[in-house]
C-alpha atoms as a PDB file:
ATOM      1  CA  MET A   1      83.251  45.786 -72.482  1.00  0.00           C
ATOM      2  CA  PRO A   2      79.782  47.444 -72.853  1.00  0.00           C
ATOM      3  CA  ALA A   3      79.447  51.101 -73.224  1.00  0.00           C
ATOM      4  CA  TYR A   4      76.502  53.320 -72.417  1.00  0.00           C
ATOM      5  CA  LEU A   5      75.176  56.483 -74.023  1.00  0.00           C
ATOM      6  CA  ILE A   6      73.370  58.467 -71.397  1.00  0.00           C
ATOM      7  CA  ALA A   7      71.367  61.491 -72.293  1.00  0.00           C
ATOM      8  CA  ASP A   8      69.508  64.117 -70.265  1.00  0.00           C
ATOM      9  CA  VAL A   9      66.927  65.815 -72.608  1.00  0.00           C
ATOM     10  CA  LYS A  10      64.540  68.814 -72.105  1.00  0.00           C
ATOM     11  CA  VAL A  11      62.014  68.768 -74.871  1.00  0.00           C
ATOM     12  CA  SER A  12      60.857  72.205 -75.920  1.00  0.00           C
ATOM     13  CA  ASN A  13      58.939  71.190 -78.973  1.00  0.00           C
ATOM     14  CA  PRO A  14      57.152  67.832 -78.405  1.00  0.00           C
ATOM     15  CA  GLU A  15      55.670  67.565 -81.798  1.00  0.00           C
ATOM     16  CA  GLN A  16      59.069  68.101 -83.633  1.00  0.00           C
ATOM     17  CA  TYR A  17      60.652  65.638 -81.051  1.00  0.00           C
ATOM     18  CA  LEU A  18      58.372  62.981 -82.265  1.00  0.00           C
ATOM     19  CA  GLY A  19      60.307  62.866 -85.530  1.00  0.00           C
ATOM     20  CA  TYR A  20      63.503  62.257 -83.694  1.00  0.00           C
ATOM     21  CA  GLN A  21      61.788  59.512 -81.592  1.00  0.00           C
ATOM     22  CA  ALA A  22      60.527  57.919 -84.839  1.00  0.00           C
ATOM     23  CA  LEU A  23      64.070  57.681 -86.311  1.00  0.00           C
ATOM     24  CA  THR A  24      66.173  56.688 -83.332  1.00  0.00           C
ATOM     25  CA  PRO A  25      65.003  52.999 -82.834  1.00  0.00           C
ATOM     26  CA  ALA A  26      66.056  51.930 -86.195  1.00  0.00           C
ATOM     27  CA  ALA A  27      69.394  53.945 -85.941  1.00  0.00           C
ATOM     28  CA  ILE A  28      70.175  52.354 -82.611  1.00  0.00           C
ATOM     29  CA  ALA A  29      69.349  48.789 -83.727  1.00  0.00           C
ATOM     30  CA  ALA A  30      71.391  49.213 -86.924  1.00  0.00           C
ATOM     31  CA  GLY A  31      74.265  50.522 -84.772  1.00  0.00           C
ATOM     32  CA  GLY A  32      74.281  47.511 -82.521  1.00  0.00           C
ATOM     33  CA  GLY A  33      72.690  49.173 -79.531  1.00  0.00           C
ATOM     34  CA  GLU A  34      69.590  48.646 -77.382  1.00  0.00           C
ATOM     35  CA  PHE A  35      67.502  50.967 -75.173  1.00  0.00           C
ATOM     36  CA  VAL A  36      67.898  50.379 -71.409  1.00  0.00           C
ATOM     37  CA  VAL A  37      66.027  53.523 -70.302  1.00  0.00           C
ATOM     38  CA  ARG A  38      63.812  55.638 -72.545  1.00  0.00           C
ATOM     39  CA  GLY A  39      62.073  58.323 -70.524  1.00  0.00           C
ATOM     40  CA  GLY A  40      60.091  57.164 -67.523  1.00  0.00           C
ATOM     41  CA  GLU A  41      59.905  58.299 -63.963  1.00  0.00           C
ATOM     42  CA  ALA A  42      63.174  59.524 -62.391  1.00  0.00           C
ATOM     43  CA  GLU A  43      63.747  60.246 -58.689  1.00  0.00           C
ATOM     44  CA  VAL A  44      66.657  62.110 -57.223  1.00  0.00           C
ATOM     45  CA  ILE A  45      67.985  60.274 -54.142  1.00  0.00           C
ATOM     46  CA  GLU A  46      71.230  62.206 -53.731  1.00  0.00           C
ATOM     47  CA  GLY A  47      72.622  65.502 -54.932  1.00  0.00           C
ATOM     48  CA  ASP A  48      71.121  68.332 -56.819  1.00  0.00           C
ATOM     49  CA  TRP A  49      70.841  66.972 -60.380  1.00  0.00           C
ATOM     50  CA  ILE A  50      67.294  67.600 -61.603  1.00  0.00           C
ATOM     51  CA  PRO A  51      67.057  65.292 -64.660  1.00  0.00           C
ATOM     52  CA  ASN A  52      64.576  65.916 -67.430  1.00  0.00           C
ATOM     53  CA  ARG A  53      64.008  62.982 -69.794  1.00  0.00           C
ATOM     54  CA  VAL A  54      66.720  60.435 -69.192  1.00  0.00           C
ATOM     55  CA  VAL A  55      67.822  57.973 -71.968  1.00  0.00           C
ATOM     56  CA  VAL A  56      70.354  55.087 -71.647  1.00  0.00           C
ATOM     57  CA  ILE A  57      71.490  53.028 -74.586  1.00  0.00           C
ATOM     58  CA  ARG A  58      73.778  50.063 -74.229  1.00  0.00           C
ATOM     59  CA  PHE A  59      76.254  49.168 -76.888  1.00  0.00           C
ATOM     60  CA  PRO A  60      78.764  46.192 -77.032  1.00  0.00           C
ATOM     61  CA  ASP A  61      81.771  48.679 -76.683  1.00  0.00           C
ATOM     62  CA  MET A  62      82.853  52.200 -76.942  1.00  0.00           C
ATOM     63  CA  ASP A  63      83.827  51.878 -80.639  1.00  0.00           C
ATOM     64  CA  THR A  64      80.424  50.606 -81.686  1.00  0.00           C
ATOM     65  CA  ALA A  65      78.832  53.529 -79.707  1.00  0.00           C
ATOM     66  CA  ARG A  66      80.931  56.014 -81.476  1.00  0.00           C
ATOM     67  CA  LYS A  67      80.216  54.483 -84.831  1.00  0.00           C
ATOM     68  CA  PHE A  68      76.602  54.606 -84.127  1.00  0.00           C
ATOM     69  CA  TYR A  69      76.668  58.369 -83.114  1.00  0.00           C
ATOM     70  CA  ASP A  70      78.401  59.148 -86.328  1.00  0.00           C
ATOM     71  CA  SER A  71      76.231  56.943 -88.600  1.00  0.00           C
ATOM     72  CA  GLU A  72      74.134  58.292 -91.530  1.00  0.00           C
ATOM     73  CA  LEU A  73      70.986  57.017 -89.740  1.00  0.00           C
ATOM     74  CA  TYR A  74      71.671  58.796 -86.453  1.00  0.00           C
ATOM     75  CA  ARG A  75      72.968  61.965 -88.225  1.00  0.00           C
ATOM     76  CA  ALA A  76      69.531  62.111 -89.778  1.00  0.00           C
ATOM     77  CA  ALA A  77      67.781  61.593 -86.402  1.00  0.00           C
ATOM     78  CA  ARG A  78      69.974  64.434 -84.926  1.00  0.00           C
ATOM     79  CA  ALA A  79      68.907  66.735 -87.815  1.00  0.00           C
ATOM     80  CA  ALA A  80      65.313  65.932 -87.151  1.00  0.00           C
ATOM     81  CA  ARG A  81      65.878  66.793 -83.495  1.00  0.00           C
ATOM     82  CA  ALA A  82      67.501  70.198 -84.255  1.00  0.00           C
ATOM     83  CA  GLY A  83      65.463  72.948 -82.609  1.00  0.00           C
ATOM     84  CA  ALA A  84      63.193  70.524 -80.575  1.00  0.00           C
ATOM     85  CA  THR A  85      65.044  70.584 -77.320  1.00  0.00           C
ATOM     86  CA  GLU A  86      66.058  73.199 -74.823  1.00  0.00           C
ATOM     87  CA  LEU A  87      68.621  70.845 -73.411  1.00  0.00           C
ATOM     88  CA  PHE A  88      70.332  67.762 -74.809  1.00  0.00           C
ATOM     89  CA  ASN A  89      73.375  66.442 -72.875  1.00  0.00           C
ATOM     90  CA  MET A  90      74.863  63.213 -73.851  1.00  0.00           C
ATOM     91  CA  ILE A  91      77.878  61.305 -72.528  1.00  0.00           C
ATOM     92  CA  LEU A  92      79.512  57.995 -73.435  1.00  0.00           C
ATOM     93  CA  VAL A  93      80.659  55.849 -70.588  1.00  0.00           C
ATOM     94  CA  GLN A  94      82.434  52.553 -70.441  1.00  0.00           C
ATOM     95  CA  GLY A  95      80.526  49.936 -68.456  1.00  0.00           C
ATOM     96  CA  VAL A  96      81.252  46.596 -66.824  1.00  0.00           C
END
């Protein structure tokens, strides 16, 4: 069953964040994932959540997503991101 990593990101240092953006595609591909949403326009149609930059990544299953998150490639990307965001919330959710 597919799994989705969903992130809400508020970038505070765009220049530094570019380093994270440069590293993540290879880490995601190597981890068996693919971008579904990578930024773009978001519109609140119900509730009071005001998203910043929304990212959704699909993986074949929860275990594959967890392995990606813990992979050497993504650890390097996370290190590059350190200090570049004011907010970085990420969840892993099982899909259908």
